[in-house]
Amino acid sequence: MEALPRYRDDGHFSSWLFAIARKKAMDHFRSKRKQSSLENIEHISIQSDLLQDVIRADQNVALAKLINSLPVNVRELIP
Protein backbone atom coordinates (compact mmCIF):
# COMPACT_ATOMS: atom_id res chain seq x y z
CA MET A 1 0.00 0.00 0.00
CA GLU A 2 2.94 2.32 0.71
CA ALA A 3 4.16 2.07 -2.88
CA LEU A 4 0.76 2.24 -4.58
CA PRO A 5 1.14 5.94 -5.53
CA ARG A 6 4.35 5.03 -7.40
CA TYR A 7 2.66 2.36 -9.55
CA ARG A 8 2.65 3.15 -13.27
CA ASP A 9 -0.37 1.64 -14.98
CA ASP A 10 1.28 -0.53 -17.62
CA GLY A 11 -1.01 -3.54 -17.23
CA HIS A 12 1.30 -5.60 -14.97
CA PHE A 13 -0.14 -4.79 -11.56
CA SER A 14 0.04 -8.37 -10.25
CA SER A 15 3.71 -8.72 -11.26
CA TRP A 16 4.53 -5.40 -9.63
CA LEU A 17 2.68 -6.37 -6.45
CA PHE A 18 4.30 -9.82 -6.32
CA ALA A 19 7.79 -8.29 -6.68
CA ILE A 20 7.11 -6.02 -3.70
CA ALA A 21 5.77 -8.93 -1.63
CA ARG A 22 8.80 -11.08 -2.51
CA LYS A 23 11.22 -8.33 -1.47
CA LYS A 24 9.34 -7.74 1.79
CA ALA A 25 9.39 -11.48 2.56
CA MET A 26 13.13 -11.65 1.85
CA ASP A 27 13.71 -8.68 4.18
CA HIS A 28 11.64 -10.36 6.90
CA PHE A 29 13.50 -13.68 6.76
CA ARG A 30 16.87 -11.96 6.44
CA SER A 31 16.16 -10.06 9.67
CA LYS A 32 15.25 -13.34 11.45
CA ARG A 33 18.50 -15.05 10.42
CA LYS A 34 20.32 -16.50 13.41
CA GLN A 35 23.46 -14.60 14.26
CA SER A 36 26.21 -15.58 16.66
CA SER A 37 27.69 -13.23 19.18
CA LEU A 38 31.44 -12.74 19.22
CA GLU A 39 31.30 -12.62 23.02
CA ASN A 40 31.02 -16.41 23.11
CA ILE A 41 33.90 -17.06 20.75
CA GLU A 42 36.24 -18.13 23.54
CA HIS A 43 33.94 -21.09 24.27
CA ILE A 44 34.27 -22.49 20.77
CA SER A 45 36.50 -25.54 20.56
CA ILE A 46 39.58 -25.07 18.39
CA GLN A 47 40.09 -28.80 17.91
CA SER A 48 38.96 -30.03 14.55
CA ASP A 49 38.95 -33.24 12.61
CA LEU A 50 40.73 -32.66 9.29
CA LEU A 51 38.85 -35.44 7.49
CA GLN A 52 35.50 -34.03 8.62
CA ASP A 53 36.60 -30.56 7.46
CA VAL A 54 37.46 -31.91 3.99
CA ILE A 55 34.17 -33.81 3.75
CA ARG A 56 32.22 -30.74 4.86
CA ALA A 57 34.05 -28.56 2.32
CA ASP A 58 33.22 -31.03 -0.48
CA GLN A 59 29.59 -31.09 0.62
CA ASN A 60 29.50 -27.28 0.62
CA VAL A 61 30.90 -27.16 -2.92
CA ALA A 62 28.33 -29.72 -4.12
CA LEU A 63 25.52 -27.82 -2.40
CA ALA A 64 26.66 -24.52 -3.92
CA LYS A 65 26.61 -26.11 -7.39
CA LEU A 66 23.09 -27.40 -6.82
CA ILE A 67 21.88 -24.03 -5.57
CA ASN A 68 23.49 -22.22 -8.50
CA SER A 69 21.69 -24.55 -10.90
CA LEU A 70 18.31 -23.36 -9.59
CA PRO A 71 16.44 -20.54 -11.33
CA VAL A 72 17.26 -17.08 -9.93
CA ASN A 73 13.77 -16.49 -8.54
CA VAL A 74 14.02 -19.75 -6.55
CA ARG A 75 17.54 -18.99 -5.33
CA GLU A 76 16.30 -15.70 -3.86
CA LEU A 77 14.10 -17.67 -1.47
CA ILE A 78 17.05 -19.50 0.07
CA PRO A 79 18.42 -17.66 3.14
PDB file of N, CA and C in Angstrom:
ATOM      1  N   MET A   1       0.820  -1.180   0.000  1.00  0.00           N
ATOM      2  CA  MET A   1       0.000   0.000   0.000  1.00  0.00           C
ATOM      3  C   MET A   1       0.873   1.258   0.000  1.00  0.00           C
ATOM      4  N   GLU A   2       2.048   1.164   0.657  1.00  0.00           N
ATOM      5  CA  GLU A   2       2.938   2.324   0.714  1.00  0.00           C
ATOM      6  C   GLU A   2       3.391   2.751  -0.681  1.00  0.00           C
ATOM      7  N   ALA A   3       3.607   1.779  -1.557  1.00  0.00           N
ATOM      8  CA  ALA A   3       4.160   2.067  -2.881  1.00  0.00           C
ATOM      9  C   ALA A   3       3.085   2.275  -3.944  1.00  0.00           C
ATOM     10  N   LEU A   4       1.836   2.129  -3.593  1.00  0.00           N
ATOM     11  CA  LEU A   4       0.764   2.243  -4.578  1.00  0.00           C
ATOM     12  C   LEU A   4       0.789   3.560  -5.365  1.00  0.00           C
ATOM     13  N   PRO A   5       1.074   4.696  -4.744  1.00  0.00           N
ATOM     14  CA  PRO A   5       1.140   5.936  -5.529  1.00  0.00           C
ATOM     15  C   PRO A   5       2.248   5.936  -6.589  1.00  0.00           C
ATOM     16  N   ARG A   6       3.245   5.078  -6.434  1.00  0.00           N
ATOM     17  CA  ARG A   6       4.351   5.029  -7.396  1.00  0.00           C
ATOM     18  C   ARG A   6       4.101   4.048  -8.538  1.00  0.00           C
ATOM     19  N   TYR A   7       2.972   3.338  -8.495  1.00  0.00           N
ATOM     20  CA  TYR A   7       2.660   2.362  -9.549  1.00  0.00           C
ATOM     21  C   TYR A   7       2.319   3.087 -10.841  1.00  0.00           C
ATOM     22  N   ARG A   8       2.961   2.635 -11.932  1.00  0.00           N
ATOM     23  CA  ARG A   8       2.646   3.153 -13.271  1.00  0.00           C
ATOM     24  C   ARG A   8       1.756   2.134 -13.948  1.00  0.00           C
ATOM     25  N   ASP A   9       0.609   2.549 -14.393  1.00  0.00           N
ATOM     26  CA  ASP A   9      -0.368   1.638 -14.977  1.00  0.00           C
ATOM     27  C   ASP A   9       0.091   1.160 -16.350  1.00  0.00           C
ATOM     28  N   ASP A  10       0.811   0.037 -16.350  1.00  0.00           N
ATOM     29  CA  ASP A  10       1.278  -0.534 -17.616  1.00  0.00           C
ATOM     30  C   ASP A  10       0.688  -1.928 -17.835  1.00  0.00           C
ATOM     31  N   GLY A  11      -0.322  -2.273 -17.032  1.00  0.00           N
ATOM     32  CA  GLY A  11      -1.007  -3.541 -17.225  1.00  0.00           C
ATOM     33  C   GLY A  11      -0.386  -4.727 -16.517  1.00  0.00           C
ATOM     34  N   HIS A  12       0.621  -4.507 -15.678  1.00  0.00           N
ATOM     35  CA  HIS A  12       1.301  -5.602 -14.974  1.00  0.00           C
ATOM     36  C   HIS A  12       1.213  -5.411 -13.461  1.00  0.00           C
ATOM     37  N   PHE A  13       0.033  -5.064 -12.978  1.00  0.00           N
ATOM     38  CA  PHE A  13      -0.137  -4.787 -11.561  1.00  0.00           C
ATOM     39  C   PHE A  13       0.222  -5.990 -10.698  1.00  0.00           C
ATOM     40  N   SER A  14      -0.222  -7.187 -11.072  1.00  0.00           N
ATOM     41  CA  SER A  14       0.036  -8.369 -10.253  1.00  0.00           C
ATOM     42  C   SER A  14       1.534  -8.676 -10.178  1.00  0.00           C
ATOM     43  N   SER A  15       2.256  -8.507 -11.272  1.00  0.00           N
ATOM     44  CA  SER A  15       3.707  -8.724 -11.258  1.00  0.00           C
ATOM     45  C   SER A  15       4.389  -7.716 -10.356  1.00  0.00           C
ATOM     46  N   TRP A  16       3.964  -6.466 -10.454  1.00  0.00           N
ATOM     47  CA  TRP A  16       4.531  -5.395  -9.629  1.00  0.00           C
ATOM     48  C   TRP A  16       4.273  -5.675  -8.153  1.00  0.00           C
ATOM     49  N   LEU A  17       3.049  -6.084  -7.828  1.00  0.00           N
ATOM     50  CA  LEU A  17       2.677  -6.367  -6.446  1.00  0.00           C
ATOM     51  C   LEU A  17       3.436  -7.585  -5.916  1.00  0.00           C
ATOM     52  N   PHE A  18       3.567  -8.625  -6.741  1.00  0.00           N
ATOM     53  CA  PHE A  18       4.298  -9.820  -6.324  1.00  0.00           C
ATOM     54  C   PHE A  18       5.769  -9.501  -6.057  1.00  0.00           C
ATOM     55  N   ALA A  19       6.382  -8.658  -6.880  1.00  0.00           N
ATOM     56  CA  ALA A  19       7.789  -8.286  -6.676  1.00  0.00           C
ATOM     57  C   ALA A  19       7.966  -7.578  -5.334  1.00  0.00           C
ATOM     58  N   ILE A  20       7.040  -6.707  -4.996  1.00  0.00           N
ATOM     59  CA  ILE A  20       7.111  -6.023  -3.705  1.00  0.00           C
ATOM     60  C   ILE A  20       6.957  -7.026  -2.568  1.00  0.00           C
ATOM     61  N   ALA A  21       5.990  -7.928  -2.682  1.00  0.00           N
ATOM     62  CA  ALA A  21       5.765  -8.930  -1.635  1.00  0.00           C
ATOM     63  C   ALA A  21       6.988  -9.832  -1.468  1.00  0.00           C
ATOM     64  N   ARG A  22       7.605 -10.232  -2.576  1.00  0.00           N
ATOM     65  CA  ARG A  22       8.797 -11.080  -2.506  1.00  0.00           C
ATOM     66  C   ARG A  22       9.936 -10.370  -1.788  1.00  0.00           C
ATOM     67  N   LYS A  23      10.141  -9.092  -2.116  1.00  0.00           N
ATOM     68  CA  LYS A  23      11.218  -8.327  -1.466  1.00  0.00           C
ATOM     69  C   LYS A  23      10.944  -8.137   0.022  1.00  0.00           C
ATOM     70  N   LYS A  24       9.704  -7.883   0.379  1.00  0.00           N
ATOM     71  CA  LYS A  24       9.337  -7.735   1.793  1.00  0.00           C
ATOM     72  C   LYS A  24       9.553  -9.046   2.547  1.00  0.00           C
ATOM     73  N   ALA A  25       9.184 -10.171   1.923  1.00  0.00           N
ATOM     74  CA  ALA A  25       9.387 -11.477   2.564  1.00  0.00           C
ATOM     75  C   ALA A  25      10.873 -11.763   2.744  1.00  0.00           C
ATOM     76  N   MET A  26      11.679 -11.442   1.742  1.00  0.00           N
ATOM     77  CA  MET A  26      13.128 -11.650   1.854  1.00  0.00           C
ATOM     78  C   MET A  26      13.699 -10.798   2.986  1.00  0.00           C
ATOM     79  N   ASP A  27      13.262  -9.551   3.093  1.00  0.00           N
ATOM     80  CA  ASP A  27      13.711  -8.684   4.185  1.00  0.00           C
ATOM     81  C   ASP A  27      13.328  -9.264   5.537  1.00  0.00           C
ATOM     82  N   HIS A  28      12.117  -9.784   5.636  1.00  0.00           N
ATOM     83  CA  HIS A  28      11.644 -10.359   6.896  1.00  0.00           C
ATOM     84  C   HIS A  28      12.518 -11.542   7.316  1.00  0.00           C
ATOM     85  N   PHE A  29      12.725 -12.491   6.402  1.00  0.00           N
ATOM     86  CA  PHE A  29      13.500 -13.682   6.759  1.00  0.00           C
ATOM     87  C   PHE A  29      14.972 -13.357   6.962  1.00  0.00           C
ATOM     88  N   ARG A  30      15.484 -12.378   6.238  1.00  0.00           N
ATOM     89  CA  ARG A  30      16.867 -11.963   6.437  1.00  0.00           C
ATOM     90  C   ARG A  30      17.048 -11.384   7.845  1.00  0.00           C
ATOM     91  N   SER A  31      16.070 -10.656   8.335  1.00  0.00           N
ATOM     92  CA  SER A  31      16.165 -10.065   9.669  1.00  0.00           C
ATOM     93  C   SER A  31      16.047 -11.126  10.761  1.00  0.00           C
ATOM     94  N   LYS A  32      15.428 -12.264  10.460  1.00  0.00           N
ATOM     95  CA  LYS A  32      15.254 -13.336  11.445  1.00  0.00           C
ATOM     96  C   LYS A  32      16.411 -14.339  11.429  1.00  0.00           C
ATOM     97  N   ARG A  33      17.385 -14.125  10.539  1.00  0.00           N
ATOM     98  CA  ARG A  33      18.501 -15.054  10.421  1.00  0.00           C
ATOM     99  C   ARG A  33      19.264 -15.115  11.746  1.00  0.00           C
ATOM    100  N   LYS A  34      19.595 -16.312  12.153  1.00  0.00           N
ATOM    101  CA  LYS A  34      20.319 -16.504  13.406  1.00  0.00           C
ATOM    102  C   LYS A  34      21.729 -15.959  13.274  1.00  0.00           C
ATOM    103  N   GLN A  35      22.124 -15.162  14.251  1.00  0.00           N
ATOM    104  CA  GLN A  35      23.463 -14.600  14.261  1.00  0.00           C
ATOM    105  C   GLN A  35      24.151 -14.991  15.562  1.00  0.00           C
ATOM    106  N   SER A  36      25.444 -15.213  15.491  1.00  0.00           N
ATOM    107  CA  SER A  36      26.214 -15.580  16.665  1.00  0.00           C
ATOM    108  C   SER A  36      26.908 -14.353  17.227  1.00  0.00           C
ATOM    109  N   SER A  37      27.006 -14.330  18.514  1.00  0.00           N
ATOM    110  CA  SER A  37      27.685 -13.227  19.184  1.00  0.00           C
ATOM    111  C   SER A  37      29.171 -13.542  19.297  1.00  0.00           C
ATOM    112  N   LEU A  38      29.996 -12.544  19.094  1.00  0.00           N
ATOM    113  CA  LEU A  38      31.442 -12.738  19.224  1.00  0.00           C
ATOM    114  C   LEU A  38      31.870 -12.842  20.682  1.00  0.00           C
ATOM    115  N   GLU A  39      30.974 -12.515  21.598  1.00  0.00           N
ATOM    116  CA  GLU A  39      31.297 -12.618  23.021  1.00  0.00           C
ATOM    117  C   GLU A  39      31.536 -14.063  23.436  1.00  0.00           C
ATOM    118  N   ASN A  40      30.909 -14.996  22.754  1.00  0.00           N
ATOM    119  CA  ASN A  40      31.018 -16.412  23.114  1.00  0.00           C
ATOM    120  C   ASN A  40      32.108 -17.136  22.338  1.00  0.00           C
ATOM    121  N   ILE A  41      32.912 -16.421  21.610  1.00  0.00           N
ATOM    122  CA  ILE A  41      33.901 -17.063  20.746  1.00  0.00           C
ATOM    123  C   ILE A  41      34.949 -17.836  21.537  1.00  0.00           C
ATOM    124  N   GLU A  42      35.230 -17.428  22.748  1.00  0.00           N
ATOM    125  CA  GLU A  42      36.240 -18.133  23.539  1.00  0.00           C
ATOM    126  C   GLU A  42      35.778 -19.522  23.954  1.00  0.00           C
ATOM    127  N   HIS A  43      34.484 -19.782  23.882  1.00  0.00           N
ATOM    128  CA  HIS A  43      33.942 -21.087  24.268  1.00  0.00           C
ATOM    129  C   HIS A  43      33.913 -22.079  23.109  1.00  0.00           C
ATOM    130  N   ILE A  44      34.269 -21.621  21.931  1.00  0.00           N
ATOM    131  CA  ILE A  44      34.269 -22.494  20.768  1.00  0.00           C
ATOM    132  C   ILE A  44      35.535 -23.349  20.767  1.00  0.00           C
ATOM    133  N   SER A  45      35.369 -24.624  20.566  1.00  0.00           N
ATOM    134  CA  SER A  45      36.497 -25.536  20.563  1.00  0.00           C
ATOM    135  C   SER A  45      37.357 -25.310  19.315  1.00  0.00           C
ATOM    136  N   ILE A  46      38.656 -25.278  19.501  1.00  0.00           N
ATOM    137  CA  ILE A  46      39.579 -25.073  18.395  1.00  0.00           C
ATOM    138  C   ILE A  46      39.947 -26.407  17.748  1.00  0.00           C
ATOM    139  N   GLN A  47      39.762 -27.492  18.462  1.00  0.00           N
ATOM    140  CA  GLN A  47      40.087 -28.799  17.913  1.00  0.00           C
ATOM    141  C   GLN A  47      39.188 -29.095  16.723  1.00  0.00           C
ATOM    142  N   SER A  48      39.781 -29.659  15.692  1.00  0.00           N
ATOM    143  CA  SER A  48      38.959 -30.033  14.547  1.00  0.00           C
ATOM    144  C   SER A  48      39.482 -31.329  13.953  1.00  0.00           C
ATOM    145  N   ASP A  49      38.617 -31.999  13.276  1.00  0.00           N
ATOM    146  CA  ASP A  49      38.953 -33.240  12.608  1.00  0.00           C
ATOM    147  C   ASP A  49      39.162 -32.906  11.132  1.00  0.00           C
ATOM    148  N   LEU A  50      40.386 -33.057  10.653  1.00  0.00           N
ATOM    149  CA  LEU A  50      40.734 -32.664   9.289  1.00  0.00           C
ATOM    150  C   LEU A  50      39.880 -33.394   8.251  1.00  0.00           C
ATOM    151  N   LEU A  51      39.662 -34.682   8.436  1.00  0.00           N
ATOM    152  CA  LEU A  51      38.848 -35.440   7.488  1.00  0.00           C
ATOM    153  C   LEU A  51      37.428 -34.887   7.433  1.00  0.00           C
ATOM    154  N   GLN A  52      36.840 -34.606   8.582  1.00  0.00           N
ATOM    155  CA  GLN A  52      35.498 -34.032   8.621  1.00  0.00           C
ATOM    156  C   GLN A  52      35.468 -32.659   7.943  1.00  0.00           C
ATOM    157  N   ASP A  53      36.522 -31.871   8.113  1.00  0.00           N
ATOM    158  CA  ASP A  53      36.598 -30.562   7.464  1.00  0.00           C
ATOM    159  C   ASP A  53      36.627 -30.703   5.940  1.00  0.00           C
ATOM    160  N   VAL A  54      37.376 -31.688   5.431  1.00  0.00           N
ATOM    161  CA  VAL A  54      37.456 -31.911   3.991  1.00  0.00           C
ATOM    162  C   VAL A  54      36.109 -32.393   3.451  1.00  0.00           C
ATOM    163  N   ILE A  55      35.477 -33.312   4.166  1.00  0.00           N
ATOM    164  CA  ILE A  55      34.167 -33.806   3.751  1.00  0.00           C
ATOM    165  C   ILE A  55      33.153 -32.672   3.740  1.00  0.00           C
ATOM    166  N   ARG A  56      33.153 -31.862   4.781  1.00  0.00           N
ATOM    167  CA  ARG A  56      32.219 -30.740   4.862  1.00  0.00           C
ATOM    168  C   ARG A  56      32.466 -29.737   3.730  1.00  0.00           C
ATOM    169  N   ALA A  57      33.728 -29.481   3.409  1.00  0.00           N
ATOM    170  CA  ALA A  57      34.054 -28.559   2.315  1.00  0.00           C
ATOM    171  C   ALA A  57      33.546 -29.111   0.983  1.00  0.00           C
ATOM    172  N   ASP A  58      33.728 -30.413   0.750  1.00  0.00           N
ATOM    173  CA  ASP A  58      33.220 -31.032  -0.480  1.00  0.00           C
ATOM    174  C   ASP A  58      31.699 -30.952  -0.552  1.00  0.00           C
ATOM    175  N   GLN A  59      31.042 -31.178   0.579  1.00  0.00           N
ATOM    176  CA  GLN A  59      29.589 -31.089   0.616  1.00  0.00           C
ATOM    177  C   GLN A  59      29.132 -29.659   0.329  1.00  0.00           C
ATOM    178  N   ASN A  60      29.857 -28.684   0.865  1.00  0.00           N
ATOM    179  CA  ASN A  60      29.505 -27.283   0.625  1.00  0.00           C
ATOM    180  C   ASN A  60      29.650 -26.917  -0.851  1.00  0.00           C
ATOM    181  N   VAL A  61      30.696 -27.424  -1.492  1.00  0.00           N
ATOM    182  CA  VAL A  61      30.897 -27.159  -2.921  1.00  0.00           C
ATOM    183  C   VAL A  61      29.768 -27.783  -3.730  1.00  0.00           C
ATOM    184  N   ALA A  62      29.417 -29.039  -3.401  1.00  0.00           N
ATOM    185  CA  ALA A  62      28.329 -29.721  -4.116  1.00  0.00           C
ATOM    186  C   ALA A  62      27.003 -28.993  -3.907  1.00  0.00           C
ATOM    187  N   LEU A  63      26.754 -28.545  -2.685  1.00  0.00           N
ATOM    188  CA  LEU A  63      25.521 -27.815  -2.398  1.00  0.00           C
ATOM    189  C   LEU A  63      25.481 -26.489  -3.149  1.00  0.00           C
ATOM    190  N   ALA A  64      26.603 -25.788  -3.195  1.00  0.00           N
ATOM    191  CA  ALA A  64      26.664 -24.520  -3.923  1.00  0.00           C
ATOM    192  C   ALA A  64      26.372 -24.728  -5.406  1.00  0.00           C
ATOM    193  N   LYS A  65      26.888 -25.808  -5.984  1.00  0.00           N
ATOM    194  CA  LYS A  65      26.611 -26.105  -7.393  1.00  0.00           C
ATOM    195  C   LYS A  65      25.126 -26.370  -7.619  1.00  0.00           C
ATOM    196  N   LEU A  66      24.520 -27.118  -6.702  1.00  0.00           N
ATOM    197  CA  LEU A  66      23.087 -27.400  -6.823  1.00  0.00           C
ATOM    198  C   LEU A  66      22.259 -26.123  -6.709  1.00  0.00           C
ATOM    199  N   ILE A  67      22.610 -25.286  -5.752  1.00  0.00           N
ATOM    200  CA  ILE A  67      21.880 -24.032  -5.570  1.00  0.00           C
ATOM    201  C   ILE A  67      22.044 -23.137  -6.786  1.00  0.00           C
ATOM    202  N   ASN A  68      23.248 -23.058  -7.327  1.00  0.00           N
ATOM    203  CA  ASN A  68      23.487 -22.218  -8.501  1.00  0.00           C
ATOM    204  C   ASN A  68      22.780 -22.736  -9.746  1.00  0.00           C
ATOM    205  N   SER A  69      22.410 -24.010  -9.750  1.00  0.00           N
ATOM    206  CA  SER A  69      21.688 -24.553 -10.900  1.00  0.00           C
ATOM    207  C   SER A  69      20.190 -24.229 -10.848  1.00  0.00           C
ATOM    208  N   LEU A  70      19.717 -23.726  -9.716  1.00  0.00           N
ATOM    209  CA  LEU A  70      18.311 -23.357  -9.586  1.00  0.00           C
ATOM    210  C   LEU A  70      18.034 -22.046 -10.313  1.00  0.00           C
ATOM    211  N   PRO A  71      16.801 -21.823 -10.731  1.00  0.00           N
ATOM    212  CA  PRO A  71      16.445 -20.535 -11.332  1.00  0.00           C
ATOM    213  C   PRO A  71      16.647 -19.401 -10.320  1.00  0.00           C
ATOM    214  N   VAL A  72      16.941 -18.218 -10.801  1.00  0.00           N
ATOM    215  CA  VAL A  72      17.257 -17.084  -9.934  1.00  0.00           C
ATOM    216  C   VAL A  72      16.120 -16.786  -8.959  1.00  0.00           C
ATOM    217  N   ASN A  73      14.883 -16.828  -9.428  1.00  0.00           N
ATOM    218  CA  ASN A  73      13.772 -16.494  -8.535  1.00  0.00           C
ATOM    219  C   ASN A  73      13.611 -17.511  -7.409  1.00  0.00           C
ATOM    220  N   VAL A  74      14.047 -18.757  -7.597  1.00  0.00           N
ATOM    221  CA  VAL A  74      14.015 -19.754  -6.554  1.00  0.00           C
ATOM    222  C   VAL A  74      15.200 -19.563  -5.609  1.00  0.00           C
ATOM    223  N   ARG A  75      16.371 -19.228  -6.168  1.00  0.00           N
ATOM    224  CA  ARG A  75      17.543 -18.988  -5.334  1.00  0.00           C
ATOM    225  C   ARG A  75      17.327 -17.847  -4.343  1.00  0.00           C
ATOM    226  N   GLU A  76      16.542 -16.845  -4.737  1.00  0.00           N
ATOM    227  CA  GLU A  76      16.298 -15.705  -3.864  1.00  0.00           C
ATOM    228  C   GLU A  76      15.558 -16.104  -2.603  1.00  0.00           C
ATOM    229  N   LEU A  77      14.862 -17.220  -2.626  1.00  0.00           N
ATOM    230  CA  LEU A  77      14.095 -17.666  -1.473  1.00  0.00           C
ATOM    231  C   LEU A  77      14.947 -18.402  -0.452  1.00  0.00           C
ATOM    232  N   ILE A  78      16.165 -18.763  -0.825  1.00  0.00           N
ATOM    233  CA  ILE A  78      17.050 -19.499   0.069  1.00  0.00           C
ATOM    234  C   ILE A  78      17.816 -18.494   0.922  1.00  0.00           C
ATOM    235  N   PRO A  79      17.712 -18.611   2.267  1.00  0.00           N
ATOM    236  CA  PRO A  79      18.425 -17.655   3.137  1.00  0.00           C
ATOM    237  C   PRO A  79      19.917 -17.836   3.121  1.00  0.00           C
TER     238      PRO A  79
END
